[in-house]
Protein backbone atom coordinates (compact mmCIF):
# COMPACT_ATOMS: atom_id res chain seq x y z
CA UNK A 1 -0.02 -0.12 -0.11
CA UNK A 2 1.24 3.85 -0.85
CA UNK A 3 2.05 5.89 1.58
CA UNK A 4 -0.35 9.08 2.33
CA UNK A 5 2.03 11.17 3.59
CA UNK A 6 5.68 12.56 2.66
CA UNK A 7 8.24 11.88 5.34
CA UNK A 8 11.14 14.71 5.69
CA UNK A 9 13.40 14.71 8.68
CA UNK A 10 16.10 16.80 9.57
CA UNK A 11 18.43 17.92 12.79
CA UNK A 12 18.36 21.46 12.01
CA UNK A 13 16.28 24.41 12.92
CA UNK A 14 13.59 24.98 10.30
CA UNK A 15 10.02 26.38 9.83
CA UNK A 16 7.81 23.60 7.32
CA UNK A 17 4.56 25.31 5.79
CA UNK A 18 2.49 23.46 3.40
CA UNK A 19 -0.13 24.16 0.62
CA UNK A 20 -2.85 22.49 -0.53
CA UNK A 21 -1.73 20.66 -3.68
CA UNK A 22 -4.35 22.23 -5.83
CA UNK A 23 -3.42 25.52 -5.36
CA UNK A 24 0.07 26.03 -5.48
CA UNK A 25 0.88 30.26 -5.13
CA UNK A 26 4.23 31.90 -4.96
CA UNK A 27 3.06 34.36 -2.47
CA UNK A 28 4.60 32.93 0.59
CA UNK A 29 1.84 34.38 3.09
CA UNK A 30 -0.93 31.70 1.37
CA UNK A 31 1.09 28.93 2.39
CA UNK A 32 0.00 27.67 6.09
CA UNK A 33 2.46 27.40 9.12
CA UNK A 34 2.88 23.47 10.09
CA UNK A 35 5.74 22.97 12.40
CA UNK A 36 9.39 23.39 12.97
CA UNK A 37 12.21 21.63 13.23
CA UNK A 38 14.33 20.09 14.62
CA UNK A 39 12.36 16.72 14.25
CA UNK A 40 10.64 14.24 11.37
CA UNK A 41 7.09 15.51 9.73
CA UNK A 42 4.94 13.98 7.97
CA UNK A 43 3.21 15.85 5.29
CA UNK A 44 -0.03 14.91 3.65
CA UNK A 45 -0.08 13.34 0.46
CA UNK A 46 -1.87 16.20 -1.58
CA UNK A 47 0.07 18.85 0.42
CA UNK A 48 2.97 20.75 -1.16
CA UNK A 49 5.89 21.99 1.32
CA UNK A 50 7.95 24.91 1.48
CA UNK A 51 10.64 25.43 4.04
CA UNK A 52 11.55 28.77 5.55
CA UNK A 53 15.15 29.19 7.32
CA UNK A 54 16.87 31.59 9.33
CA UNK A 55 20.00 32.41 10.57
CA UNK A 56 22.11 29.99 8.19
CA UNK A 57 25.03 29.51 7.05
CA UNK A 58 26.77 27.72 4.09
CA UNK A 59 27.63 24.01 6.02
CA UNK A 60 23.89 24.05 7.45
CA UNK A 61 22.27 24.83 3.96
CA UNK A 62 24.63 21.84 2.81
CA UNK A 63 23.03 19.39 5.76
CA UNK A 64 19.53 21.06 4.85
CA UNK A 65 19.89 20.20 1.47
CA UNK A 66 21.12 16.61 2.10
CA UNK A 67 17.58 16.13 4.38
CA UNK A 68 15.33 17.85 1.45
CA UNK A 69 17.16 16.12 -1.93
CA UNK A 70 14.49 12.86 -1.66
CA UNK A 71 11.32 14.82 -0.78
CA UNK A 72 9.38 15.04 -3.96
CA UNK A 73 6.92 17.56 -2.39
CA UNK A 74 9.26 20.55 -1.82
CA UNK A 75 8.11 23.24 -3.85
CA UNK A 76 8.98 26.46 -1.57
CA UNK A 77 12.63 27.37 -0.26
CA UNK A 78 12.53 30.69 1.44
CA UNK A 79 16.13 31.93 2.19
CA UNK A 80 15.62 35.33 2.60
CA UNK A 81 18.03 37.35 4.76
CA UNK A 82 20.77 34.36 5.41
CA UNK A 83 23.49 36.91 4.63
CA UNK A 84 25.82 34.13 5.55
CA UNK A 85 24.96 32.27 2.87
CA UNK A 86 27.62 32.61 -0.19
CA UNK A 87 28.00 31.24 -3.96
CA UNK A 88 29.79 28.24 -2.26
CA UNK A 89 26.69 27.38 -0.22
CA UNK A 90 23.92 28.31 -2.51
CA UNK A 91 25.04 26.30 -5.82
CA UNK A 92 24.00 23.11 -3.55
CA UNK A 93 20.23 23.94 -4.56
CA UNK A 94 21.16 22.47 -8.23
CA UNK A 95 20.22 19.54 -5.38
CA UNK A 96 16.59 20.44 -5.70
CA UNK A 97 15.42 20.61 -9.45
CA UNK A 98 11.71 19.99 -7.55
CA UNK A 99 11.43 23.64 -6.71
CA UNK A 100 9.21 26.05 -8.18
CA UNK A 101 9.63 29.12 -6.00
CA UNK A 102 12.59 30.47 -4.90
CA UNK A 103 13.51 33.25 -2.58
CA UNK A 104 17.35 34.41 -2.14
CA UNK A 105 16.65 38.15 -1.18
CA UNK A 106 19.24 39.65 0.77
CA UNK A 107 21.95 36.62 0.80
CA UNK A 108 25.87 36.82 -0.03
CA UNK A 109 25.60 36.09 -3.58
CA UNK A 110 26.76 37.18 -6.98
CA UNK A 111 26.56 36.22 -10.55
CA UNK A 112 28.59 33.25 -10.55
CA UNK A 113 26.72 31.99 -7.45
CA UNK A 114 23.61 31.54 -9.66
CA UNK A 115 25.13 29.23 -12.08
CA UNK A 116 23.03 26.61 -10.22
CA UNK A 117 20.07 28.33 -11.99
CA UNK A 118 19.53 25.92 -14.90
CA UNK A 119 19.87 22.83 -12.95
CA UNK A 120 15.87 24.34 -11.46
CA UNK A 121 13.77 24.22 -14.87
CA UNK A 122 10.20 24.12 -12.68
CA UNK A 123 11.03 27.65 -10.93
CA UNK A 124 8.38 30.07 -11.91
CA UNK A 125 8.91 32.65 -9.50
CA UNK A 126 12.54 33.64 -8.19
CA UNK A 127 13.77 36.54 -5.50
CA UNK A 128 16.93 38.25 -5.54
CA UNK A 129 15.65 41.32 -3.86
CA UNK A 130 18.39 42.88 -2.12
CA UNK A 131 21.40 40.66 -3.65
CA UNK A 132 23.55 43.71 -3.41
CA UNK A 133 26.24 41.81 -5.23
CA UNK A 134 24.13 40.43 -8.37
CA UNK A 135 24.70 42.67 -11.22
CA UNK A 136 23.70 42.25 -15.21
CA UNK A 137 25.75 38.93 -15.32
CA UNK A 138 23.17 37.43 -13.67
CA UNK A 139 20.95 37.38 -16.53
CA UNK A 140 22.72 34.51 -18.24
CA UNK A 141 21.38 32.47 -15.95
CA UNK A 142 17.85 33.55 -15.20
CA UNK A 143 17.56 33.63 -18.72
CA UNK A 144 17.76 29.63 -18.44
CA UNK A 145 15.11 29.45 -16.05
CA UNK A 146 12.31 28.29 -19.10
CA UNK A 147 8.94 28.59 -16.59
CA UNK A 148 10.17 31.54 -14.64
CA UNK A 149 7.06 34.25 -14.86
CA UNK A 150 8.34 36.05 -11.93
CA UNK A 151 11.73 38.06 -10.91
CA UNK A 152 12.17 40.12 -7.92
CA UNK A 153 15.25 42.61 -8.65
CA UNK A 154 14.18 45.23 -6.11
CA UNK A 155 16.78 46.47 -4.39
CA UNK A 156 19.70 44.97 -6.83
CA UNK A 157 22.14 47.71 -7.33
CA UNK A 158 24.49 46.60 -9.71
CA UNK A 159 21.15 46.09 -12.06
CA UNK A 160 20.01 49.38 -13.74
CA UNK A 161 17.57 50.18 -16.12
CA UNK A 162 19.36 49.64 -19.17
CA UNK A 163 20.62 46.03 -17.37
CA UNK A 164 17.37 45.15 -17.22
CA UNK A 165 16.95 44.26 -20.84
CA UNK A 166 19.27 41.81 -20.44
CA UNK A 167 16.61 39.34 -18.21
CA UNK A 168 13.28 40.55 -20.18
CA UNK A 169 11.68 37.83 -22.18
CA UNK A 170 8.13 37.11 -23.09
CA UNK A 171 5.81 36.47 -19.72
CA UNK A 172 8.60 37.58 -17.26
CA UNK A 173 7.32 40.24 -15.24
CA UNK A 174 10.00 41.67 -13.67
CA UNK A 175 9.72 43.75 -10.14
CA UNK A 176 12.00 46.49 -9.37
CA UNK A 177 9.85 48.56 -6.93
CA UNK A 178 9.66 52.37 -7.26
């Protein structure tokens, strides 16, 4: 008999969110708080999972991705404001091709750190806001996301209005703020 839950286990401090399988949303506020770790989590089969972490560094991120790699219902990874996550750590995200929504705002990453993006073909939402070391060179990786519909570049000071052209394509909404 097939299991009726997805199992996820970690020894790390994480916040686990869920969203009903029929209503995927890129809005983090639509996701419902489920539980916090460390621990063993049993997510009902008809739900998708989102993870949010705070205060992580590259080592902790690698350990968490080790735990998340087999979790097929993972759709949202919210890494905002983890300023100790750099290019070395963020490249580990290539091991999570099931991701659709990725928030990297205020992480300490550069254009080179985004080399993992082509490994995430399902990403439809990408938040790079306030990643102050990203420049127009990031476009070469962002443009390789075939299903990307929303890109947040608010507060990315090294990307000016002329540079936005490098990111643009049909069906892509780019948010720059006011």
